């Protein structure tokens, strides 16, 4: 259940000055009705109140229905004392399978407020995933379907507010959810909780939490800002400072539609305008998908094979091949040429990193030293390369060190809630000049420690007074 303090915080930004007399409220996963109560309370606190508040509540757990009925009766009395008529309907069914959700048509003046359940669904057998296939990609989570389904119901004069884990903001699994939301909504406010435990003490949930507020899609003026706040939990919620951040820095205008949380306060990244593409670099995903390439993968090398790198071969700033624990060779023939990449200097990184890893990015400079004109990279790896060209050793070492530095790590932890740093986030990552990147590469040793990397990066960025490395 949503703590009352957070419920009020959500409702106060959801409810704006009343400009029409009939307000419709939707709570698609009502629970105990705390969010409904907070929204009604906020409406009654406005100088101009609506004449009618109409609430529609969905709750599957039949044990909660009597408490919802009792709450709504109390709301009727409170509204009547303020000269407002309150009407309600409680539906003891799954909102995602309701006629309203499946129809998906905007409801005039609708205000939606929700703290939905979150658990994964089987997209092939679960009816909810099937009926909301427009928002399903990969392994769907039920909370994403709640977000997408209610977005479709929000008209241009409507508002929308959800409190959810922040994993929806990036990654492939929520890509269809984001696209659906952004077709129907304009995100105008975000709040990030740094600690899930401090906001929902009884829930053993490890992901950070965000609250998102949005308006029904309408014509947006140029220079639109998203209001952003951040707190550790509930204790410092009232002291959260407001940032006004250009919308284009929050929502990526590309196929991934990644939603990014800004860093806390001023950041040196704000002064960097370059990205990987500025330097002719591209981030790609390893093309060897093991179960599709079984006929080409080998345990032992031969005249027609080349090295195959898996996630286990990539450590922090080092490539270790072979390790004699994997199928470490792949055929290099015309039949599977599409699975291979040119054996050239590149930065290779793990697509997934455990939460306990010291840095969010685990990557290594690869200087093209393995045998063969081409090599294989398994699908759990990303790699940064220069198509039609060649990265220098100092570029590779410098970029790898920068990505593993504490400077970039703090930035990525601020913008990405999951342990997966996807290709879209790497593509949009602001970078310093290539001269600085190469200078970092010249500073670090062949197998630098994280401490050495931080010293080199901070020195070249002017964050410390470390002496420059002098060539012998």
Protein backbone atom coordinates (compact mmCIF):
# COMPACT_ATOMS: atom_id res chain seq x y z
CA UNK A 1 0.00 0.00 0.00
CA UNK A 2 1.15 3.52 -0.74
CA UNK A 3 2.17 5.48 2.38
CA UNK A 4 -0.19 8.46 2.94
CA UNK A 5 2.62 11.02 2.66
CA UNK A 6 3.60 9.74 -0.77
CA UNK A 7 -0.05 9.45 -1.83
CA UNK A 8 -0.59 13.16 -1.02
CA UNK A 9 2.63 14.06 -2.83
CA UNK A 10 1.40 12.24 -5.93
CA UNK A 11 -2.09 13.73 -5.79
CA UNK A 12 -0.97 17.32 -5.30
CA UNK A 13 0.97 17.35 -8.59
CA UNK A 14 -1.73 15.35 -10.37
CA UNK A 15 -4.60 17.68 -9.50
CA UNK A 16 -4.41 21.12 -11.07
CA UNK A 17 -6.78 24.09 -10.69
CA UNK A 18 -10.26 22.92 -11.69
CA UNK A 19 -11.32 24.23 -15.10
CA UNK A 20 -14.41 22.05 -15.54
CA UNK A 21 -17.14 20.97 -13.16
CA UNK A 22 -17.11 17.20 -13.71
CA UNK A 23 -13.93 15.39 -12.62
CA UNK A 24 -13.38 11.71 -13.37
CA UNK A 25 -10.89 9.73 -11.27
CA UNK A 26 -9.52 6.30 -12.17
CA UNK A 27 -7.57 4.06 -9.79
CA UNK A 28 -6.94 0.87 -11.82
CA UNK A 29 -5.42 -1.11 -8.93
CA UNK A 30 -7.18 0.43 -5.97
CA UNK A 31 -5.95 -1.66 -3.03
CA UNK A 32 -7.12 0.20 0.06
CA UNK A 33 -8.07 3.34 -1.89
CA UNK A 34 -5.38 5.57 -0.39
CA UNK A 35 -4.57 7.20 -3.74
CA UNK A 36 -8.25 7.90 -4.43
CA UNK A 37 -8.60 9.53 -1.00
CA UNK A 38 -5.50 11.67 -1.58
CA UNK A 39 -6.76 12.82 -4.99
CA UNK A 40 -10.20 13.75 -3.63
CA UNK A 41 -8.59 15.56 -0.71
CA UNK A 42 -6.44 17.59 -3.13
CA UNK A 43 -9.47 18.49 -5.23
CA UNK A 44 -11.38 19.69 -2.17
CA UNK A 45 -8.43 21.87 -1.14
CA UNK A 46 -8.58 23.87 -4.39
CA UNK A 47 -10.07 27.39 -4.20
CA UNK A 48 -12.54 26.40 -6.92
CA UNK A 49 -13.97 22.92 -6.46
CA UNK A 50 -15.70 20.74 -9.05
CA UNK A 51 -19.43 20.14 -8.78
CA UNK A 52 -19.10 16.37 -9.32
CA UNK A 53 -16.27 13.91 -8.66
CA UNK A 54 -16.87 10.55 -10.31
CA UNK A 55 -14.53 7.70 -9.28
CA UNK A 56 -13.96 4.36 -10.97
CA UNK A 57 -12.04 1.79 -8.93
CA UNK A 58 -10.77 -1.63 -9.99
CA UNK A 59 -9.62 -4.18 -7.39
CA UNK A 60 -9.31 -7.95 -7.90
CA UNK A 61 -8.82 -8.85 -4.25
CA UNK A 62 -12.37 -9.38 -3.00
CA UNK A 63 -11.21 -9.06 0.60
CA UNK A 64 -10.53 -5.37 0.02
CA UNK A 65 -13.92 -4.49 -1.48
CA UNK A 66 -15.74 -3.88 1.87
CA UNK A 67 -12.99 -1.48 2.98
CA UNK A 68 -13.21 0.37 -0.35
CA UNK A 69 -16.99 0.64 0.03
CA UNK A 70 -16.59 2.05 3.55
CA UNK A 71 -13.95 4.54 2.35
CA UNK A 72 -16.17 5.76 -0.48
CA UNK A 73 -19.05 6.33 1.94
CA UNK A 74 -16.77 8.50 4.08
CA UNK A 75 -15.67 10.40 0.95
CA UNK A 76 -19.33 11.02 0.08
CA UNK A 77 -19.80 12.69 3.47
CA UNK A 78 -16.61 14.76 3.20
CA UNK A 79 -17.50 15.93 -0.31
CA UNK A 80 -21.06 16.76 0.68
CA UNK A 81 -19.75 18.97 3.49
CA UNK A 82 -17.74 20.86 0.85
CA UNK A 83 -20.70 21.16 -1.53
CA UNK A 84 -19.42 18.52 -3.97
CA UNK A 85 -21.27 15.44 -5.18
CA UNK A 86 -19.19 12.23 -5.09
CA UNK A 87 -20.17 9.22 -7.18
CA UNK A 88 -18.28 5.95 -7.43
CA UNK A 89 -18.20 2.52 -9.02
CA UNK A 90 -16.10 -0.35 -7.66
CA UNK A 91 -15.38 -3.17 -10.06
CA UNK A 92 -14.01 -6.39 -8.55
CA UNK A 93 -12.20 -7.44 -11.70
CA UNK A 94 -8.83 -7.20 -13.42
CA UNK A 95 -8.55 -3.74 -14.93
CA UNK A 96 -6.37 -5.02 -17.78
CA UNK A 97 -9.19 -7.33 -18.92
CA UNK A 98 -11.93 -4.75 -18.41
CA UNK A 99 -13.99 -3.33 -21.25
CA UNK A 100 -12.55 0.13 -20.51
CA UNK A 101 -8.92 -0.97 -20.83
CA UNK A 102 -9.47 -3.13 -23.88
CA UNK A 103 -11.44 -0.44 -25.70
CA UNK A 104 -8.59 1.99 -25.13
CA UNK A 105 -10.50 5.16 -25.99
CA UNK A 106 -9.82 8.52 -24.23
CA UNK A 107 -12.20 9.47 -21.42
CA UNK A 108 -12.89 13.20 -21.22
CA UNK A 109 -11.20 14.93 -18.25
CA UNK A 110 -9.85 11.66 -16.81
CA UNK A 111 -7.36 11.77 -13.93
CA UNK A 112 -5.53 8.45 -13.36
CA UNK A 113 -3.50 7.73 -10.24
CA UNK A 114 -1.94 4.33 -9.59
CA UNK A 115 0.48 2.14 -7.69
CA UNK A 116 0.11 -1.02 -9.80
CA UNK A 117 1.29 -4.55 -9.01
CA UNK A 118 4.55 -5.64 -10.61
CA UNK A 119 5.45 -9.15 -11.67
CA UNK A 120 6.48 -10.77 -14.93
CA UNK A 121 3.95 -12.32 -17.30
CA UNK A 122 4.29 -15.17 -19.76
CA UNK A 123 3.63 -13.42 -23.04
CA UNK A 124 2.58 -16.63 -24.79
CA UNK A 125 0.05 -17.90 -22.23
CA UNK A 126 -1.15 -14.89 -20.19
CA UNK A 127 -4.32 -13.32 -21.57
CA UNK A 128 -3.32 -9.86 -20.33
CA UNK A 129 -0.13 -9.93 -22.38
CA UNK A 130 -2.07 -11.18 -25.40
CA UNK A 131 -4.84 -8.55 -25.18
CA UNK A 132 -2.32 -5.73 -24.68
CA UNK A 133 0.17 -6.96 -27.26
CA UNK A 134 0.76 -3.37 -28.44
CA UNK A 135 2.78 -2.84 -25.21
CA UNK A 136 4.59 -6.19 -25.11
CA UNK A 137 8.20 -6.76 -26.12
CA UNK A 138 10.25 -9.64 -24.75
CA UNK A 139 9.41 -10.49 -21.13
CA UNK A 140 6.51 -8.19 -20.11
CA UNK A 141 5.89 -6.93 -16.59
CA UNK A 142 2.30 -6.36 -15.56
CA UNK A 143 2.98 -2.83 -14.25
CA UNK A 144 4.08 -1.74 -17.72
CA UNK A 145 0.75 -2.89 -19.16
CA UNK A 146 -1.09 -0.80 -16.54
CA UNK A 147 0.95 2.25 -17.57
CA UNK A 148 0.35 1.74 -21.28
CA UNK A 149 -3.34 0.86 -21.00
CA UNK A 150 -4.17 3.93 -18.89
CA UNK A 151 -2.09 6.16 -21.18
CA UNK A 152 -4.49 5.28 -24.01
CA UNK A 153 -7.41 6.46 -21.87
CA UNK A 154 -5.90 9.90 -21.16
CA UNK A 155 -7.31 12.77 -23.26
CA UNK A 156 -5.66 16.10 -23.99
CA UNK A 157 -7.43 17.59 -20.95
CA UNK A 158 -6.56 14.63 -18.71
CA UNK A 159 -3.77 13.87 -16.26
CA UNK A 160 -1.91 10.69 -15.31
CA UNK A 161 0.31 9.68 -12.35
CA UNK A 162 2.06 6.39 -11.52
CA UNK A 163 4.53 5.27 -8.86
CA UNK A 164 6.57 2.34 -10.17
CA UNK A 165 10.06 0.81 -10.31
CA UNK A 166 12.24 2.81 -12.68
CA UNK A 167 13.07 -0.13 -14.96
CA UNK A 168 10.41 1.05 -17.47
CA UNK A 169 12.59 4.02 -18.37
CA UNK A 170 15.17 2.10 -20.38
CA UNK A 171 15.88 -1.28 -21.96
CA UNK A 172 14.24 -3.34 -24.68
CA UNK A 173 11.62 -5.07 -22.51
CA UNK A 174 9.79 -1.78 -21.86
CA UNK A 175 10.38 -0.26 -25.30
CA UNK A 176 6.80 -0.91 -26.49
CA UNK A 177 5.43 0.45 -23.20
CA UNK A 178 7.40 3.69 -23.61
CA UNK A 179 6.31 4.11 -27.22
CA UNK A 180 2.66 3.63 -26.27
CA UNK A 181 2.92 6.05 -23.37
CA UNK A 182 4.65 8.74 -25.40
CA UNK A 183 2.07 8.52 -28.19
CA UNK A 184 -0.65 9.43 -25.69
CA UNK A 185 1.14 11.35 -22.92
CA UNK A 186 3.55 14.20 -22.37
CA UNK A 187 5.65 13.51 -19.28
CA UNK A 188 5.87 16.82 -17.39
CA UNK A 189 7.14 15.87 -13.90
CA UNK A 190 9.33 13.16 -12.38
CA UNK A 191 10.42 12.33 -8.85
CA UNK A 192 13.14 9.78 -8.05
CA UNK A 193 13.53 7.93 -4.77
CA UNK A 194 17.14 6.89 -4.30
CA UNK A 195 16.13 4.20 -1.79
CA UNK A 196 13.13 1.93 -2.31
CA UNK A 197 13.38 0.76 1.30
CA UNK A 198 13.00 4.32 2.61
CA UNK A 199 9.74 4.82 0.70
CA UNK A 200 8.18 1.36 1.05
CA UNK A 201 9.70 -0.10 4.18
CA UNK A 202 7.58 -3.25 4.20
CA UNK A 203 8.39 -4.23 0.61
CA UNK A 204 11.52 -6.26 -0.08
CA UNK A 205 12.00 -4.64 -3.49
CA UNK A 206 15.49 -3.75 -4.60
CA UNK A 207 14.78 -1.41 -7.51
CA UNK A 208 14.73 2.33 -7.12
CA UNK A 209 11.32 3.94 -7.49
CA UNK A 210 10.03 6.85 -9.55
CA UNK A 211 6.82 8.83 -9.69
CA UNK A 212 5.85 10.07 -13.14
CA UNK A 213 3.21 12.69 -13.90
CA UNK A 214 1.95 13.36 -17.40
CA UNK A 215 -0.66 15.26 -19.38
CA UNK A 216 -2.69 13.90 -22.27
CA UNK A 217 -0.87 14.42 -25.54
CA UNK A 218 -1.40 17.91 -26.88
CA UNK A 219 0.55 20.44 -28.91
CA UNK A 220 3.67 21.29 -26.92
CA UNK A 221 5.52 24.58 -27.12
CA UNK A 222 9.20 24.66 -27.98
CA UNK A 223 11.45 24.93 -24.93
CA UNK A 224 9.20 22.70 -22.83
CA UNK A 225 10.73 21.72 -19.47
CA UNK A 226 10.16 18.68 -17.27
CA UNK A 227 10.08 19.42 -13.53
CA UNK A 228 12.33 16.99 -11.67
CA UNK A 229 12.83 16.32 -7.96
CA UNK A 230 14.84 13.71 -6.08
CA UNK A 231 14.85 12.44 -2.48
CA UNK A 232 16.38 9.58 -0.56
CA UNK A 233 12.97 8.50 0.72
CA UNK A 234 10.02 9.96 2.62
CA UNK A 235 12.03 11.66 5.36
CA UNK A 236 13.52 14.26 3.00
CA UNK A 237 10.63 14.41 0.53
CA UNK A 238 9.54 17.91 1.52
CA UNK A 239 13.08 19.28 1.06
CA UNK A 240 13.53 17.97 -2.51
CA UNK A 241 14.75 20.79 -4.76
CA UNK A 242 13.03 21.35 -8.10
CA UNK A 243 14.99 21.29 -11.35
CA UNK A 244 13.50 22.43 -14.67
CA UNK A 245 15.14 20.23 -17.29
CA UNK A 246 14.66 20.58 -21.08
CA UNK A 247 12.35 17.79 -22.24
CA UNK A 248 14.80 16.65 -24.91
CA UNK A 249 17.29 15.78 -22.16
CA UNK A 250 14.69 13.58 -20.46
CA UNK A 251 13.00 11.75 -23.33
CA UNK A 252 15.17 10.53 -26.20
CA UNK A 253 13.78 11.35 -29.64
CA UNK A 254 14.80 8.05 -31.25
CA UNK A 255 13.62 4.49 -31.70
CA UNK A 256 14.48 3.57 -28.10
CA UNK A 257 12.49 6.43 -26.46
CA UNK A 258 14.66 6.10 -23.36
CA UNK A 259 13.58 8.26 -20.40
CA UNK A 260 16.58 9.63 -18.51
CA UNK A 261 16.76 11.05 -15.00
CA UNK A 262 19.08 14.07 -14.78
CA UNK A 263 22.07 13.99 -12.48
CA UNK A 264 21.82 15.67 -9.10
CA UNK A 265 22.73 19.33 -9.43
CA UNK A 266 25.17 20.80 -11.94
CA UNK A 267 27.16 18.26 -13.92
CA UNK A 268 30.19 18.52 -16.16
CA UNK A 269 28.21 16.32 -18.59
CA UNK A 270 25.99 19.35 -19.21
CA UNK A 271 28.94 21.01 -20.94
CA UNK A 272 29.68 18.06 -23.24
CA UNK A 273 27.86 18.09 -26.57
CA UNK A 274 29.70 15.23 -28.31
CA UNK A 275 28.49 11.63 -28.45
CA UNK A 276 29.94 8.45 -29.94
CA UNK A 277 28.50 9.33 -33.35
CA UNK A 278 30.32 12.69 -33.24
CA UNK A 279 33.58 10.74 -33.52
CA UNK A 280 32.36 8.27 -36.14
CA UNK A 281 31.90 5.56 -33.50
CA UNK A 282 29.05 3.10 -33.20
CA UNK A 283 27.86 0.79 -30.43
CA UNK A 284 26.63 -2.62 -31.57
CA UNK A 285 25.55 -5.86 -29.93
CA UNK A 286 27.46 -9.09 -30.40
CA UNK A 287 25.86 -10.95 -33.34
CA UNK A 288 26.50 -14.53 -32.16
CA UNK A 289 23.25 -15.77 -30.60
CA UNK A 290 24.30 -19.12 -29.18
CA UNK A 291 21.11 -21.15 -29.73
CA UNK A 292 20.85 -19.93 -33.33
CA UNK A 293 24.51 -20.55 -34.11
CA UNK A 294 25.01 -23.97 -32.51
CA UNK A 295 26.19 -25.53 -35.77
CA UNK A 296 29.04 -22.98 -36.04
CA UNK A 297 30.31 -22.93 -32.43
CA UNK A 298 33.16 -25.25 -31.48
CA UNK A 299 34.87 -26.36 -28.25
CA UNK A 300 38.24 -26.66 -29.99
CA UNK A 301 39.96 -24.54 -32.58
CA UNK A 302 40.80 -25.68 -36.11
CA UNK A 303 41.92 -24.24 -39.43
CA UNK A 304 38.48 -22.72 -40.12
CA UNK A 305 37.70 -21.21 -36.67
CA UNK A 306 38.41 -17.91 -34.93
CA UNK A 307 38.11 -16.88 -31.27
CA UNK A 308 34.60 -16.44 -29.83
CA UNK A 309 34.31 -14.06 -26.89
CA UNK A 310 31.58 -14.52 -24.28
CA UNK A 311 30.68 -12.31 -21.32
CA UNK A 312 32.94 -14.47 -19.11
CA UNK A 313 35.98 -13.47 -21.17
CA UNK A 314 35.52 -9.76 -20.42
CA UNK A 315 36.78 -8.48 -17.09
CA UNK A 316 37.19 -4.91 -15.90
CA UNK A 317 39.82 -3.56 -18.34
CA UNK A 318 41.04 -6.98 -19.47
CA UNK A 319 40.19 -9.64 -22.06
CA UNK A 320 41.06 -13.16 -20.95
CA UNK A 321 40.84 -15.75 -23.76
CA UNK A 322 40.85 -18.71 -23.72
CA UNK A 323 39.53 -19.77 -20.32
CA UNK A 324 38.81 -23.40 -21.33
CA UNK A 325 35.34 -23.31 -19.77
CA UNK A 326 33.25 -22.30 -22.77
CA UNK A 327 32.77 -23.11 -26.43
CA UNK A 328 35.42 -20.55 -27.32
CA UNK A 329 35.70 -20.95 -31.09
CA UNK A 330 33.40 -20.18 -33.99
CA UNK A 331 33.69 -21.12 -37.64
CA UNK A 332 34.77 -18.38 -40.04
CA UNK A 333 33.16 -19.47 -43.29
CA UNK A 334 30.83 -17.94 -45.85
CA UNK A 335 27.92 -19.79 -44.25
CA UNK A 336 28.14 -17.77 -41.03
CA UNK A 337 30.00 -14.62 -42.08
CA UNK A 338 27.04 -12.59 -40.80
CA UNK A 339 27.86 -13.66 -37.22
CA UNK A 340 31.42 -12.27 -37.27
CA UNK A 341 32.98 -8.84 -36.79
CA UNK A 342 36.22 -7.41 -38.13
CA UNK A 343 39.18 -8.12 -35.86
CA UNK A 344 40.09 -4.52 -35.15
CA UNK A 345 40.63 -2.38 -32.02
CA UNK A 346 37.37 -1.77 -30.15
CA UNK A 347 35.91 -1.38 -26.67
CA UNK A 348 34.10 -4.55 -25.55
CA UNK A 349 31.69 -4.50 -22.64
CA UNK A 350 29.28 -6.72 -20.81
CA UNK A 351 25.64 -5.91 -21.45
CA UNK A 352 24.72 -6.97 -17.90
CA UNK A 353 26.57 -6.30 -14.65
CA UNK A 354 25.63 -7.66 -11.20
CA UNK A 355 24.37 -5.07 -8.71
CA UNK A 356 27.32 -5.84 -6.45
CA UNK A 357 29.86 -4.79 -9.12
CA UNK A 358 31.77 -1.70 -8.10
CA UNK A 359 31.10 0.02 -11.44
CA UNK A 360 27.99 -0.07 -13.60
CA UNK A 361 30.03 -0.65 -16.78
CA UNK A 362 32.38 -3.62 -17.08
CA UNK A 363 34.43 -3.07 -20.20
CA UNK A 364 37.87 -3.66 -21.67
CA UNK A 365 40.04 -2.22 -24.42
CA UNK A 366 40.55 -4.80 -27.17
CA UNK A 367 43.50 -4.00 -29.43
CA UNK A 368 42.92 -6.64 -32.12
CA UNK A 369 45.52 -9.06 -30.75
CA UNK A 370 43.60 -12.34 -31.10
CA UNK A 371 44.28 -14.41 -34.24
CA UNK A 372 42.17 -14.12 -37.38
CA UNK A 373 40.81 -11.47 -39.71
CA UNK A 374 37.49 -11.66 -37.90
CA UNK A 375 36.31 -12.74 -34.43
CA UNK A 376 33.02 -13.78 -32.84
CA UNK A 377 31.25 -11.75 -30.15
CA UNK A 378 28.40 -13.41 -28.25
CA UNK A 379 25.08 -11.59 -27.89
CA UNK A 380 25.57 -10.66 -24.20
CA UNK A 381 28.37 -8.27 -25.23
CA UNK A 382 28.23 -4.77 -26.69
CA UNK A 383 31.17 -3.29 -28.59
CA UNK A 384 32.15 0.21 -29.68
CA UNK A 385 33.89 0.42 -33.04
CA UNK A 386 34.46 2.76 -35.99
CA UNK A 387 32.63 1.45 -39.08
CA UNK A 388 34.70 1.96 -42.22
CA UNK A 389 37.71 3.00 -40.15
CA UNK A 390 39.93 1.96 -37.28
CA UNK A 391 40.14 3.15 -33.67
CA UNK A 392 43.60 4.03 -32.42
CA UNK A 393 45.00 2.28 -29.35
CA UNK A 394 44.81 5.50 -27.34
CA UNK A 395 41.16 6.00 -28.34
CA UNK A 396 40.29 2.45 -27.27
CA UNK A 397 42.17 2.64 -23.97
CA UNK A 398 40.88 6.13 -23.20
CA UNK A 399 37.24 5.41 -23.97
CA UNK A 400 37.32 2.14 -22.02
CA UNK A 401 38.86 3.88 -19.01
CA UNK A 402 36.37 6.77 -19.20
CA UNK A 403 33.38 4.38 -19.28
CA UNK A 404 34.73 2.54 -16.22
CA UNK A 405 35.54 5.71 -14.27
CA UNK A 406 33.70 6.84 -11.16
CA UNK A 407 32.76 10.06 -13.00
CA UNK A 408 30.75 8.17 -15.63
CA UNK A 409 29.58 5.59 -13.10
CA UNK A 410 27.87 8.27 -10.97
CA UNK A 411 26.23 9.70 -14.08
CA UNK A 412 24.94 6.31 -15.25
CA UNK A 413 23.61 5.38 -11.81
CA UNK A 414 21.69 8.65 -11.79
CA UNK A 415 20.08 8.09 -15.18
CA UNK A 416 19.68 4.30 -15.34
CA UNK A 417 17.88 2.27 -12.71
CA UNK A 418 18.67 -1.21 -14.01
CA UNK A 419 21.98 -3.02 -14.11
CA UNK A 420 21.76 -3.16 -17.89
CA UNK A 421 23.37 -0.23 -19.69
CA UNK A 422 21.80 -0.52 -23.09
CA UNK A 423 23.05 0.61 -26.46
CA UNK A 424 20.67 3.57 -26.51
CA UNK A 425 22.11 4.98 -23.29
CA UNK A 426 25.65 4.56 -24.62
CA UNK A 427 24.72 6.30 -27.87
CA UNK A 428 23.31 9.31 -26.03
CA UNK A 429 26.06 9.51 -23.37
CA UNK A 430 27.72 12.98 -23.52
CA UNK A 431 31.47 12.78 -24.09
CA UNK A 432 34.42 15.18 -23.72
CA UNK A 433 36.68 16.03 -26.65
CA UNK A 434 38.55 13.20 -28.37
CA UNK A 435 41.80 14.90 -27.35
CA UNK A 436 40.85 14.35 -23.69
CA UNK A 437 39.80 10.75 -24.34
CA UNK A 438 43.11 9.98 -26.07
CA UNK A 439 45.03 11.72 -23.28
CA UNK A 440 43.31 9.44 -20.76
CA UNK A 441 44.33 6.48 -22.91
CA UNK A 442 47.96 7.60 -22.87
CA UNK A 443 47.92 7.96 -19.07
CA UNK A 444 46.64 4.53 -18.09
CA UNK A 445 48.69 1.35 -18.05
CA UNK A 446 47.95 -1.83 -19.99
CA UNK A 447 45.78 -3.29 -17.20
CA UNK A 448 44.79 -0.29 -15.05
CA UNK A 449 43.08 -0.55 -11.69
CA UNK A 450 39.92 1.46 -11.04
CA UNK A 451 41.95 3.74 -8.77
CA UNK A 452 44.45 4.40 -11.57
CA UNK A 453 41.59 5.05 -14.00
CA UNK A 454 39.97 7.57 -11.67
CA UNK A 455 43.26 9.39 -11.18
CA UNK A 456 43.83 9.63 -14.94
CA UNK A 457 40.27 10.67 -15.78
CA UNK A 458 40.05 13.30 -13.04
CA UNK A 459 43.42 14.74 -14.06
CA UNK A 460 42.49 15.09 -17.75
CA UNK A 461 39.08 16.55 -16.90
CA UNK A 462 40.71 19.10 -14.63
CA UNK A 463 39.14 17.65 -11.49
CA UNK A 464 42.50 17.12 -9.79
CA UNK A 465 46.03 18.39 -9.95
CA UNK A 466 47.65 15.04 -10.79
CA UNK A 467 50.92 15.38 -12.74
CA UNK A 468 50.87 14.52 -16.42
CA UNK A 469 52.50 11.33 -17.59
CA UNK A 470 55.74 12.13 -19.40
CA UNK A 471 56.79 9.83 -22.24
CA UNK A 472 60.19 8.25 -21.80
